[in-house]
Amino acid sequence: MRSNRDMKKLILALFFILSAGFVFAEVTVTIDGQRYFCSVDGRPPQDREWRCVPHCTRRSFDGDCMRYGQDYCGYDATCIKRCERRDTSGDCMRYGDDICRSEQ
């Protein structure tokens, strides 16, 4: 028969093992088979990163960039085409500067 001391050690060990499993489930995420530790806001670190993206300041009629300005930088920075004028079918006839945004 086991002593009370051995039982307490066993219960404590089981508690730590089970607790560790729950903690790791909350602070990691698996994407495409790769396991990542989450950032403070709960998202994988590669989903919230400081980066710089090209900022197009002039586009041709078909949307190709003809002139780039200064890169736009920020957390999860992104720039998208901005249409200034559309025809009756909804196709863009004239593009303006890209709309750029980032998270705070």
PDB file of N, CA and C in Angstrom:
ATOM      1  N   MET A   1       0.838  -1.176   0.000  1.00  0.00           N
ATOM      2  CA  MET A   1       0.000   0.000   0.000  1.00  0.00           C
ATOM      3  C   MET A   1       0.888   1.246   0.000  1.00  0.00           C
ATOM      4  N   ARG A   2       0.480   2.232  -0.737  1.00  0.00           N
ATOM      5  CA  ARG A   2       1.270   3.446  -0.847  1.00  0.00           C
ATOM      6  C   ARG A   2       0.976   4.381   0.320  1.00  0.00           C
ATOM      7  N   SER A   3       1.966   5.153   0.651  1.00  0.00           N
ATOM      8  CA  SER A   3       1.787   6.104   1.747  1.00  0.00           C
ATOM      9  C   SER A   3       1.083   7.360   1.235  1.00  0.00           C
ATOM     10  N   ASN A   4       0.602   8.169   2.166  1.00  0.00           N
ATOM     11  CA  ASN A   4      -0.043   9.435   1.806  1.00  0.00           C
ATOM     12  C   ASN A   4       0.910  10.348   1.053  1.00  0.00           C
ATOM     13  N   ARG A   5       2.150  10.314   1.436  1.00  0.00           N
ATOM     14  CA  ARG A   5       3.151  11.168   0.793  1.00  0.00           C
ATOM     15  C   ARG A   5       3.326  10.792  -0.682  1.00  0.00           C
ATOM     16  N   ASP A   6       3.371   9.504  -0.984  1.00  0.00           N
ATOM     17  CA  ASP A   6       3.482   9.050  -2.368  1.00  0.00           C
ATOM     18  C   ASP A   6       2.247   9.439  -3.180  1.00  0.00           C
ATOM     19  N   MET A   7       1.081   9.335  -2.572  1.00  0.00           N
ATOM     20  CA  MET A   7      -0.163   9.699  -3.259  1.00  0.00           C
ATOM     21  C   MET A   7      -0.188  11.200  -3.571  1.00  0.00           C
ATOM     22  N   LYS A   8       0.270  12.020  -2.628  1.00  0.00           N
ATOM     23  CA  LYS A   8       0.306  13.464  -2.850  1.00  0.00           C
ATOM     24  C   LYS A   8       1.249  13.799  -4.005  1.00  0.00           C
ATOM     25  N   LYS A   9       2.393  13.126  -4.050  1.00  0.00           N
ATOM     26  CA  LYS A   9       3.347  13.359  -5.136  1.00  0.00           C
ATOM     27  C   LYS A   9       2.734  12.961  -6.479  1.00  0.00           C
ATOM     28  N   LEU A  10       2.037  11.832  -6.490  1.00  0.00           N
ATOM     29  CA  LEU A  10       1.411  11.349  -7.713  1.00  0.00           C
ATOM     30  C   LEU A  10       0.328  12.327  -8.193  1.00  0.00           C
ATOM     31  N   ILE A  11      -0.498  12.786  -7.278  1.00  0.00           N
ATOM     32  CA  ILE A  11      -1.553  13.739  -7.632  1.00  0.00           C
ATOM     33  C   ILE A  11      -0.948  15.049  -8.127  1.00  0.00           C
ATOM     34  N   LEU A  12       0.078  15.521  -7.448  1.00  0.00           N
ATOM     35  CA  LEU A  12       0.745  16.757  -7.852  1.00  0.00           C
ATOM     36  C   LEU A  12       1.376  16.619  -9.243  1.00  0.00           C
ATOM     37  N   ALA A  13       2.013  15.497  -9.494  1.00  0.00           N
ATOM     38  CA  ALA A  13       2.627  15.248 -10.800  1.00  0.00           C
ATOM     39  C   ALA A  13       1.559  15.213 -11.895  1.00  0.00           C
ATOM     40  N   LEU A  14       0.448  14.530 -11.638  1.00  0.00           N
ATOM     41  CA  LEU A  14      -0.640  14.480 -12.617  1.00  0.00           C
ATOM     42  C   LEU A  14      -1.217  15.876 -12.875  1.00  0.00           C
ATOM     43  N   PHE A  15      -1.346  16.663 -11.816  1.00  0.00           N
ATOM     44  CA  PHE A  15      -1.856  18.024 -11.960  1.00  0.00           C
ATOM     45  C   PHE A  15      -0.954  18.850 -12.881  1.00  0.00           C
ATOM     46  N   PHE A  16       0.355  18.785 -12.661  1.00  0.00           N
ATOM     47  CA  PHE A  16       1.283  19.555 -13.493  1.00  0.00           C
ATOM     48  C   PHE A  16       1.272  19.081 -14.945  1.00  0.00           C
ATOM     49  N   ILE A  17       1.190  17.784 -15.135  1.00  0.00           N
ATOM     50  CA  ILE A  17       1.165  17.245 -16.500  1.00  0.00           C
ATOM     51  C   ILE A  17      -0.091  17.710 -17.229  1.00  0.00           C
ATOM     52  N   LEU A  18      -1.242  17.593 -16.564  1.00  0.00           N
ATOM     53  CA  LEU A  18      -2.493  18.011 -17.191  1.00  0.00           C
ATOM     54  C   LEU A  18      -2.549  19.524 -17.383  1.00  0.00           C
ATOM     55  N   SER A  19      -2.053  20.277 -16.423  1.00  0.00           N
ATOM     56  CA  SER A  19      -2.037  21.739 -16.533  1.00  0.00           C
ATOM     57  C   SER A  19      -1.168  22.181 -17.697  1.00  0.00           C
ATOM     58  N   ALA A  20      -0.027  21.570 -17.839  1.00  0.00           N
ATOM     59  CA  ALA A  20       0.892  21.939 -18.918  1.00  0.00           C
ATOM     60  C   ALA A  20       0.240  21.712 -20.276  1.00  0.00           C
ATOM     61  N   GLY A  21      -0.516  20.636 -20.406  1.00  0.00           N
ATOM     62  CA  GLY A  21      -1.201  20.359 -21.664  1.00  0.00           C
ATOM     63  C   GLY A  21      -2.196  21.442 -22.023  1.00  0.00           C
ATOM     64  N   PHE A  22      -2.942  21.933 -21.047  1.00  0.00           N
ATOM     65  CA  PHE A  22      -3.912  22.993 -21.305  1.00  0.00           C
ATOM     66  C   PHE A  22      -3.229  24.311 -21.627  1.00  0.00           C
ATOM     67  N   VAL A  23      -2.164  24.639 -20.945  1.00  0.00           N
ATOM     68  CA  VAL A  23      -1.459  25.896 -21.191  1.00  0.00           C
ATOM     69  C   VAL A  23      -0.892  25.911 -22.599  1.00  0.00           C
ATOM     70  N   PHE A  24      -0.252  24.837 -23.020  1.00  0.00           N
ATOM     71  CA  PHE A  24       0.336  24.808 -24.351  1.00  0.00           C
ATOM     72  C   PHE A  24      -0.734  24.877 -25.431  1.00  0.00           C
ATOM     73  N   ALA A  25      -1.908  24.321 -25.169  1.00  0.00           N
ATOM     74  CA  ALA A  25      -2.977  24.379 -26.158  1.00  0.00           C
ATOM     75  C   ALA A  25      -3.448  25.812 -26.370  1.00  0.00           C
ATOM     76  N   GLU A  26      -3.322  26.658 -25.356  1.00  0.00           N
ATOM     77  CA  GLU A  26      -3.801  28.030 -25.468  1.00  0.00           C
ATOM     78  C   GLU A  26      -2.764  28.984 -26.055  1.00  0.00           C
ATOM     79  N   VAL A  27      -1.507  28.669 -25.981  1.00  0.00           N
ATOM     80  CA  VAL A  27      -0.488  29.623 -26.427  1.00  0.00           C
ATOM     81  C   VAL A  27       0.222  29.193 -27.703  1.00  0.00           C
ATOM     82  N   THR A  28      -0.209  28.118 -28.321  1.00  0.00           N
ATOM     83  CA  THR A  28       0.384  27.704 -29.592  1.00  0.00           C
ATOM     84  C   THR A  28      -0.715  27.505 -30.622  1.00  0.00           C
ATOM     85  N   VAL A  29      -0.327  27.573 -31.870  1.00  0.00           N
ATOM     86  CA  VAL A  29      -1.250  27.318 -32.967  1.00  0.00           C
ATOM     87  C   VAL A  29      -0.476  26.561 -34.045  1.00  0.00           C
ATOM     88  N   THR A  30      -1.164  25.688 -34.768  1.00  0.00           N
ATOM     89  CA  THR A  30      -0.533  24.926 -35.841  1.00  0.00           C
ATOM     90  C   THR A  30      -1.107  25.388 -37.174  1.00  0.00           C
ATOM     91  N   ILE A  31      -0.236  25.812 -38.070  1.00  0.00           N
ATOM     92  CA  ILE A  31      -0.631  26.256 -39.401  1.00  0.00           C
ATOM     93  C   ILE A  31       0.170  25.457 -40.409  1.00  0.00           C
ATOM     94  N   ASP A  32      -0.539  24.737 -41.269  1.00  0.00           N
ATOM     95  CA  ASP A  32       0.099  23.889 -42.284  1.00  0.00           C
ATOM     96  C   ASP A  32       1.141  22.959 -41.670  1.00  0.00           C
ATOM     97  N   GLY A  33       0.821  22.389 -40.528  1.00  0.00           N
ATOM     98  CA  GLY A  33       1.714  21.444 -39.876  1.00  0.00           C
ATOM     99  C   GLY A  33       2.838  22.068 -39.082  1.00  0.00           C
ATOM    100  N   GLN A  34       2.980  23.386 -39.118  1.00  0.00           N
ATOM    101  CA  GLN A  34       4.032  24.085 -38.374  1.00  0.00           C
ATOM    102  C   GLN A  34       3.435  24.669 -37.104  1.00  0.00           C
ATOM    103  N   ARG A  35       4.071  24.434 -35.952  1.00  0.00           N
ATOM    104  CA  ARG A  35       3.568  24.931 -34.674  1.00  0.00           C
ATOM    105  C   ARG A  35       4.224  26.263 -34.338  1.00  0.00           C
ATOM    106  N   TYR A  36       3.413  27.257 -33.989  1.00  0.00           N
ATOM    107  CA  TYR A  36       3.897  28.589 -33.645  1.00  0.00           C
ATOM    108  C   TYR A  36       3.414  28.973 -32.253  1.00  0.00           C
ATOM    109  N   PHE A  37       4.233  29.730 -31.520  1.00  0.00           N
ATOM    110  CA  PHE A  37       3.793  30.306 -30.259  1.00  0.00           C
ATOM    111  C   PHE A  37       3.073  31.605 -30.566  1.00  0.00           C
ATOM    112  N   CYS A  38       1.976  31.846 -29.875  1.00  0.00           N
ATOM    113  CA  CYS A  38       1.158  33.025 -30.147  1.00  0.00           C
ATOM    114  C   CYS A  38       1.734  34.266 -29.488  1.00  0.00           C
ATOM    115  N   SER A  39       1.403  35.413 -30.066  1.00  0.00           N
ATOM    116  CA  SER A  39       1.804  36.691 -29.496  1.00  0.00           C
ATOM    117  C   SER A  39       0.825  37.072 -28.392  1.00  0.00           C
ATOM    118  N   VAL A  40       1.005  38.227 -27.805  1.00  0.00           N
ATOM    119  CA  VAL A  40       0.183  38.664 -26.680  1.00  0.00           C
ATOM    120  C   VAL A  40      -1.290  38.729 -27.053  1.00  0.00           C
ATOM    121  N   ASP A  41      -1.608  39.160 -28.272  1.00  0.00           N
ATOM    122  CA  ASP A  41      -3.010  39.291 -28.658  1.00  0.00           C
ATOM    123  C   ASP A  41      -3.614  37.984 -29.156  1.00  0.00           C
ATOM    124  N   GLY A  42      -2.884  36.875 -29.053  1.00  0.00           N
ATOM    125  CA  GLY A  42      -3.442  35.565 -29.362  1.00  0.00           C
ATOM    126  C   GLY A  42      -3.278  35.115 -30.791  1.00  0.00           C
ATOM    127  N   ARG A  43      -2.683  35.933 -31.654  1.00  0.00           N
ATOM    128  CA  ARG A  43      -2.483  35.530 -33.039  1.00  0.00           C
ATOM    129  C   ARG A  43      -1.057  35.048 -33.242  1.00  0.00           C
ATOM    130  N   PRO A  44      -0.854  34.188 -34.226  1.00  0.00           N
ATOM    131  CA  PRO A  44       0.515  33.753 -34.505  1.00  0.00           C
ATOM    132  C   PRO A  44       1.390  34.945 -34.849  1.00  0.00           C
ATOM    133  N   PRO A  45       2.659  34.931 -34.459  1.00  0.00           N
ATOM    134  CA  PRO A  45       3.528  36.086 -34.704  1.00  0.00           C
ATOM    135  C   PRO A  45       3.685  36.426 -36.176  1.00  0.00           C
ATOM    136  N   GLN A  46       3.617  35.436 -37.061  1.00  0.00           N
ATOM    137  CA  GLN A  46       3.786  35.750 -38.475  1.00  0.00           C
ATOM    138  C   GLN A  46       2.558  36.453 -39.037  1.00  0.00           C
ATOM    139  N   ASP A  47       1.431  36.454 -38.297  1.00  0.00           N
ATOM    140  CA  ASP A  47       0.237  37.158 -38.745  1.00  0.00           C
ATOM    141  C   ASP A  47       0.258  38.636 -38.367  1.00  0.00           C
ATOM    142  N   ARG A  48       1.160  39.044 -37.507  1.00  0.00           N
ATOM    143  CA  ARG A  48       1.259  40.452 -37.103  1.00  0.00           C
ATOM    144  C   ARG A  48       2.732  40.806 -37.070  1.00  0.00           C
ATOM    145  N   GLU A  49       3.207  41.324 -38.162  1.00  0.00           N
ATOM    146  CA  GLU A  49       4.627  41.655 -38.235  1.00  0.00           C
ATOM    147  C   GLU A  49       4.821  43.020 -38.886  1.00  0.00           C
ATOM    148  N   TRP A  50       5.910  43.668 -38.532  1.00  0.00           N
ATOM    149  CA  TRP A  50       6.265  44.949 -39.127  1.00  0.00           C
ATOM    150  C   TRP A  50       6.819  44.675 -40.508  1.00  0.00           C
ATOM    151  N   ARG A  51       6.261  45.324 -41.509  1.00  0.00           N
ATOM    152  CA  ARG A  51       6.757  45.130 -42.870  1.00  0.00           C
ATOM    153  C   ARG A  51       6.520  46.383 -43.692  1.00  0.00           C
ATOM    154  N   CYS A  52       7.243  46.479 -44.779  1.00  0.00           N
ATOM    155  CA  CYS A  52       7.099  47.581 -45.724  1.00  0.00           C
ATOM    156  C   CYS A  52       6.631  47.008 -47.057  1.00  0.00           C
ATOM    157  N   VAL A  53       5.661  47.680 -47.665  1.00  0.00           N
ATOM    158  CA  VAL A  53       5.101  47.213 -48.934  1.00  0.00           C
ATOM    159  C   VAL A  53       5.189  48.338 -49.963  1.00  0.00           C
ATOM    160  N   PRO A  54       5.272  47.992 -51.253  1.00  0.00           N
ATOM    161  CA  PRO A  54       5.335  49.018 -52.294  1.00  0.00           C
ATOM    162  C   PRO A  54       4.040  49.834 -52.341  1.00  0.00           C
ATOM    163  N   HIS A  55       4.178  51.141 -52.540  1.00  0.00           N
ATOM    164  CA  HIS A  55       3.032  52.045 -52.633  1.00  0.00           C
ATOM    165  C   HIS A  55       3.027  52.651 -54.028  1.00  0.00           C
ATOM    166  N   CYS A  56       2.052  52.276 -54.826  1.00  0.00           N
ATOM    167  CA  CYS A  56       1.957  52.774 -56.197  1.00  0.00           C
ATOM    168  C   CYS A  56       1.248  54.130 -56.200  1.00  0.00           C
ATOM    169  N   THR A  57       1.862  55.124 -56.849  1.00  0.00           N
ATOM    170  CA  THR A  57       1.273  56.464 -56.905  1.00  0.00           C
ATOM    171  C   THR A  57       0.666  56.785 -58.271  1.00  0.00           C
ATOM    172  N   ARG A  58       0.917  55.929 -59.262  1.00  0.00           N
ATOM    173  CA  ARG A  58       0.333  56.151 -60.589  1.00  0.00           C
ATOM    174  C   ARG A  58       0.164  54.810 -61.288  1.00  0.00           C
ATOM    175  N   ARG A  59      -1.048  54.580 -61.785  1.00  0.00           N
ATOM    176  CA  ARG A  59      -1.356  53.325 -62.476  1.00  0.00           C
ATOM    177  C   ARG A  59      -1.853  53.595 -63.892  1.00  0.00           C
ATOM    178  N   SER A  60      -1.620  52.625 -64.764  1.00  0.00           N
ATOM    179  CA  SER A  60      -2.131  52.708 -66.134  1.00  0.00           C
ATOM    180  C   SER A  60      -3.634  52.408 -66.118  1.00  0.00           C
ATOM    181  N   PHE A  61      -4.278  52.542 -67.267  1.00  0.00           N
ATOM    182  CA  PHE A  61      -5.724  52.312 -67.346  1.00  0.00           C
ATOM    183  C   PHE A  61      -6.107  50.879 -66.978  1.00  0.00           C
ATOM    184  N   ASP A  62      -5.195  49.930 -67.180  1.00  0.00           N
ATOM    185  CA  ASP A  62      -5.504  48.535 -66.846  1.00  0.00           C
ATOM    186  C   ASP A  62      -5.051  48.140 -65.443  1.00  0.00           C
ATOM    187  N   GLY A  63      -4.536  49.098 -64.667  1.00  0.00           N
ATOM    188  CA  GLY A  63      -4.209  48.838 -63.267  1.00  0.00           C
ATOM    189  C   GLY A  63      -2.763  48.500 -62.980  1.00  0.00           C
ATOM    190  N   ASP A  64      -1.914  48.442 -64.013  1.00  0.00           N
ATOM    191  CA  ASP A  64      -0.491  48.173 -63.769  1.00  0.00           C
ATOM    192  C   ASP A  64       0.176  49.416 -63.182  1.00  0.00           C
ATOM    193  N   CYS A  65       1.086  49.211 -62.244  1.00  0.00           N
ATOM    194  CA  CYS A  65       1.765  50.338 -61.614  1.00  0.00           C
ATOM    195  C   CYS A  65       2.788  50.941 -62.575  1.00  0.00           C
ATOM    196  N   MET A  66       2.716  52.270 -62.717  1.00  0.00           N
ATOM    197  CA  MET A  66       3.656  52.983 -63.581  1.00  0.00           C
ATOM    198  C   MET A  66       4.689  53.761 -62.775  1.00  0.00           C
ATOM    199  N   ARG A  67       4.350  54.111 -61.519  1.00  0.00           N
ATOM    200  CA  ARG A  67       5.286  54.857 -60.683  1.00  0.00           C
ATOM    201  C   ARG A  67       5.054  54.487 -59.217  1.00  0.00           C
ATOM    202  N   TYR A  68       6.151  54.198 -58.547  1.00  0.00           N
ATOM    203  CA  TYR A  68       6.088  53.874 -57.125  1.00  0.00           C
ATOM    204  C   TYR A  68       6.543  55.060 -56.300  1.00  0.00           C
ATOM    205  N   GLY A  69       5.873  55.275 -55.172  1.00  0.00           N
ATOM    206  CA  GLY A  69       6.294  56.274 -54.202  1.00  0.00           C
ATOM    207  C   GLY A  69       7.097  55.592 -53.109  1.00  0.00           C
ATOM    208  N   GLN A  70       7.184  56.260 -51.981  1.00  0.00           N
ATOM    209  CA  GLN A  70       7.898  55.701 -50.835  1.00  0.00           C
ATOM    210  C   GLN A  70       7.136  54.482 -50.320  1.00  0.00           C
ATOM    211  N   ASP A  71       7.860  53.435 -49.927  1.00  0.00           N
ATOM    212  CA  ASP A  71       7.214  52.251 -49.365  1.00  0.00           C
ATOM    213  C   ASP A  71       6.363  52.631 -48.161  1.00  0.00           C
ATOM    214  N   TYR A  72       5.279  51.895 -47.984  1.00  0.00           N
ATOM    215  CA  TYR A  72       4.405  52.101 -46.826  1.00  0.00           C
ATOM    216  C   TYR A  72       4.762  51.044 -45.794  1.00  0.00           C
ATOM    217  N   CYS A  73       5.034  51.453 -44.561  1.00  0.00           N
ATOM    218  CA  CYS A  73       5.479  50.527 -43.518  1.00  0.00           C
ATOM    219  C   CYS A  73       4.531  50.556 -42.325  1.00  0.00           C
ATOM    220  N   GLY A  74       4.375  49.406 -41.686  1.00  0.00           N
ATOM    221  CA  GLY A  74       3.553  49.305 -40.485  1.00  0.00           C
ATOM    222  C   GLY A  74       3.292  47.855 -40.146  1.00  0.00           C
ATOM    223  N   TYR A  75       2.539  47.632 -39.063  1.00  0.00           N
ATOM    224  CA  TYR A  75       2.155  46.272 -38.691  1.00  0.00           C
ATOM    225  C   TYR A  75       1.112  45.783 -39.680  1.00  0.00           C
ATOM    226  N   ASP A  76       1.377  44.646 -40.292  1.00  0.00           N
ATOM    227  CA  ASP A  76       0.478  44.061 -41.291  1.00  0.00           C
ATOM    228  C   ASP A  76       0.135  45.066 -42.392  1.00  0.00           C
ATOM    229  N   ALA A  77       1.117  45.834 -42.823  1.00  0.00           N
ATOM    230  CA  ALA A  77       0.895  46.864 -43.845  1.00  0.00           C
ATOM    231  C   ALA A  77       0.446  46.226 -45.153  1.00  0.00           C
ATOM    232  N   THR A  78      -0.464  46.911 -45.819  1.00  0.00           N
ATOM    233  CA  THR A  78      -0.935  46.456 -47.115  1.00  0.00           C
ATOM    234  C   THR A  78      -1.402  47.658 -47.924  1.00  0.00           C
ATOM    235  N   CYS A  79      -1.238  47.585 -49.232  1.00  0.00           N
ATOM    236  CA  CYS A  79      -1.725  48.621 -50.138  1.00  0.00           C
ATOM    237  C   CYS A  79      -2.588  47.959 -51.205  1.00  0.00           C
ATOM    238  N   ILE A  80      -3.715  48.592 -51.530  1.00  0.00           N
ATOM    239  CA  ILE A  80      -4.609  48.060 -52.558  1.00  0.00           C
ATOM    240  C   ILE A  80      -4.897  49.146 -53.589  1.00  0.00           C
ATOM    241  N   LYS A  81      -5.267  48.721 -54.791  1.00  0.00           N
ATOM    242  CA  LYS A  81      -5.613  49.655 -55.867  1.00  0.00           C
ATOM    243  C   LYS A  81      -6.864  50.446 -55.472  1.00  0.00           C
ATOM    244  N   ARG A  82      -6.890  51.734 -55.876  1.00  0.00           N
ATOM    245  CA  ARG A  82      -8.070  52.569 -55.630  1.00  0.00           C
ATOM    246  C   ARG A  82      -8.582  53.086 -56.965  1.00  0.00           C
ATOM    247  N   CYS A  83      -9.812  52.770 -57.249  1.00  0.00           N
ATOM    248  CA  CYS A  83     -10.424  53.215 -58.499  1.00  0.00           C
ATOM    249  C   CYS A  83     -11.086  54.578 -58.279  1.00  0.00           C
ATOM    250  N   GLU A  84     -10.750  55.553 -59.141  1.00  0.00           N
ATOM    251  CA  GLU A  84     -11.343  56.893 -59.046  1.00  0.00           C
ATOM    252  C   GLU A  84     -12.596  57.049 -59.902  1.00  0.00           C
ATOM    253  N   ARG A  85     -12.660  56.307 -61.009  1.00  0.00           N
ATOM    254  CA  ARG A  85     -13.816  56.440 -61.899  1.00  0.00           C
ATOM    255  C   ARG A  85     -14.114  55.097 -62.560  1.00  0.00           C
ATOM    256  N   ARG A  86     -15.407  54.763 -62.599  1.00  0.00           N
ATOM    257  CA  ARG A  86     -15.844  53.508 -63.221  1.00  0.00           C
ATOM    258  C   ARG A  86     -16.805  53.793 -64.370  1.00  0.00           C
ATOM    259  N   ASP A  87     -16.846  52.867 -65.327  1.00  0.00           N
ATOM    260  CA  ASP A  87     -17.826  52.994 -66.405  1.00  0.00           C
ATOM    261  C   ASP A  87     -19.152  52.374 -65.950  1.00  0.00           C
ATOM    262  N   THR A  88     -20.142  52.381 -66.810  1.00  0.00           N
ATOM    263  CA  THR A  88     -21.476  51.904 -66.425  1.00  0.00           C
ATOM    264  C   THR A  88     -21.506  50.416 -66.102  1.00  0.00           C
ATOM    265  N   SER A  89     -20.566  49.664 -66.628  1.00  0.00           N
ATOM    266  CA  SER A  89     -20.526  48.225 -66.334  1.00  0.00           C
ATOM    267  C   SER A  89     -19.771  47.916 -65.040  1.00  0.00           C
ATOM    268  N   GLY A  90     -19.173  48.945 -64.415  1.00  0.00           N
ATOM    269  CA  GLY A  90     -18.459  48.740 -63.155  1.00  0.00           C
ATOM    270  C   GLY A  90     -16.963  48.554 -63.305  1.00  0.00           C
ATOM    271  N   ASP A  91     -16.470  48.527 -64.545  1.00  0.00           N
ATOM    272  CA  ASP A  91     -15.025  48.398 -64.759  1.00  0.00           C
ATOM    273  C   ASP A  91     -14.337  49.724 -64.451  1.00  0.00           C
ATOM    274  N   CYS A  92     -13.149  49.644 -63.877  1.00  0.00           N
ATOM    275  CA  CYS A  92     -12.414  50.848 -63.521  1.00  0.00           C
ATOM    276  C   CYS A  92     -11.824  51.497 -64.775  1.00  0.00           C
ATOM    277  N   MET A  93     -12.049  52.806 -64.894  1.00  0.00           N
ATOM    278  CA  MET A  93     -11.507  53.566 -66.026  1.00  0.00           C
ATOM    279  C   MET A  93     -10.291  54.384 -65.623  1.00  0.00           C
ATOM    280  N   ARG A  94     -10.187  54.725 -64.332  1.00  0.00           N
ATOM    281  CA  ARG A  94      -9.071  55.544 -63.868  1.00  0.00           C
ATOM    282  C   ARG A  94      -8.726  55.169 -62.434  1.00  0.00           C
ATOM    283  N   TYR A  95      -7.442  54.938 -62.219  1.00  0.00           N
ATOM    284  CA  TYR A  95      -6.952  54.584 -60.892  1.00  0.00           C
ATOM    285  C   TYR A  95      -6.268  55.774 -60.244  1.00  0.00           C
ATOM    286  N   GLY A  96      -6.392  55.881 -58.924  1.00  0.00           N
ATOM    287  CA  GLY A  96      -5.685  56.888 -58.148  1.00  0.00           C
ATOM    288  C   GLY A  96      -4.570  56.234 -57.353  1.00  0.00           C
ATOM    289  N   ASP A  97      -4.028  56.990 -56.393  1.00  0.00           N
ATOM    290  CA  ASP A  97      -3.007  56.423 -55.494  1.00  0.00           C
ATOM    291  C   ASP A  97      -3.568  55.201 -54.777  1.00  0.00           C
ATOM    292  N   ASP A  98      -2.689  54.260 -54.478  1.00  0.00           N
ATOM    293  CA  ASP A  98      -3.104  53.103 -53.687  1.00  0.00           C
ATOM    294  C   ASP A  98      -3.627  53.547 -52.325  1.00  0.00           C
ATOM    295  N   ILE A  99      -4.526  52.766 -51.787  1.00  0.00           N
ATOM    296  CA  ILE A  99      -4.969  52.957 -50.406  1.00  0.00           C
ATOM    297  C   ILE A  99      -4.112  52.035 -49.552  1.00  0.00           C
ATOM    298  N   CYS A 100      -3.398  52.598 -48.606  1.00  0.00           N
ATOM    299  CA  CYS A 100      -2.512  51.810 -47.747  1.00  0.00           C
ATOM    300  C   CYS A 100      -2.999  51.888 -46.308  1.00  0.00           C
ATOM    301  N   ARG A 101      -2.857  50.784 -45.593  1.00  0.00           N
ATOM    302  CA  ARG A 101      -3.277  50.747 -44.194  1.00  0.00           C
ATOM    303  C   ARG A 101      -2.382  49.800 -43.418  1.00  0.00           C
ATOM    304  N   SER A 102      -2.423  49.950 -42.104  1.00  0.00           N
ATOM    305  CA  SER A 102      -1.731  49.024 -41.207  1.00  0.00           C
ATOM    306  C   SER A 102      -2.471  49.017 -39.882  1.00  0.00           C
ATOM    307  N   GLU A 103      -2.191  48.012 -39.072  1.00  0.00           N
ATOM    308  CA  GLU A 103      -2.801  47.928 -37.749  1.00  0.00           C
ATOM    309  C   GLU A 103      -2.033  48.802 -36.781  1.00  0.00           C
ATOM    310  N   GLN A 104      -2.706  49.262 -35.767  1.00  0.00           N
ATOM    311  CA  GLN A 104      -2.066  50.099 -34.743  1.00  0.00           C
ATOM    312  C   GLN A 104      -1.357  49.250 -33.728  1.00  0.00           C
TER     313      GLN A 104
END
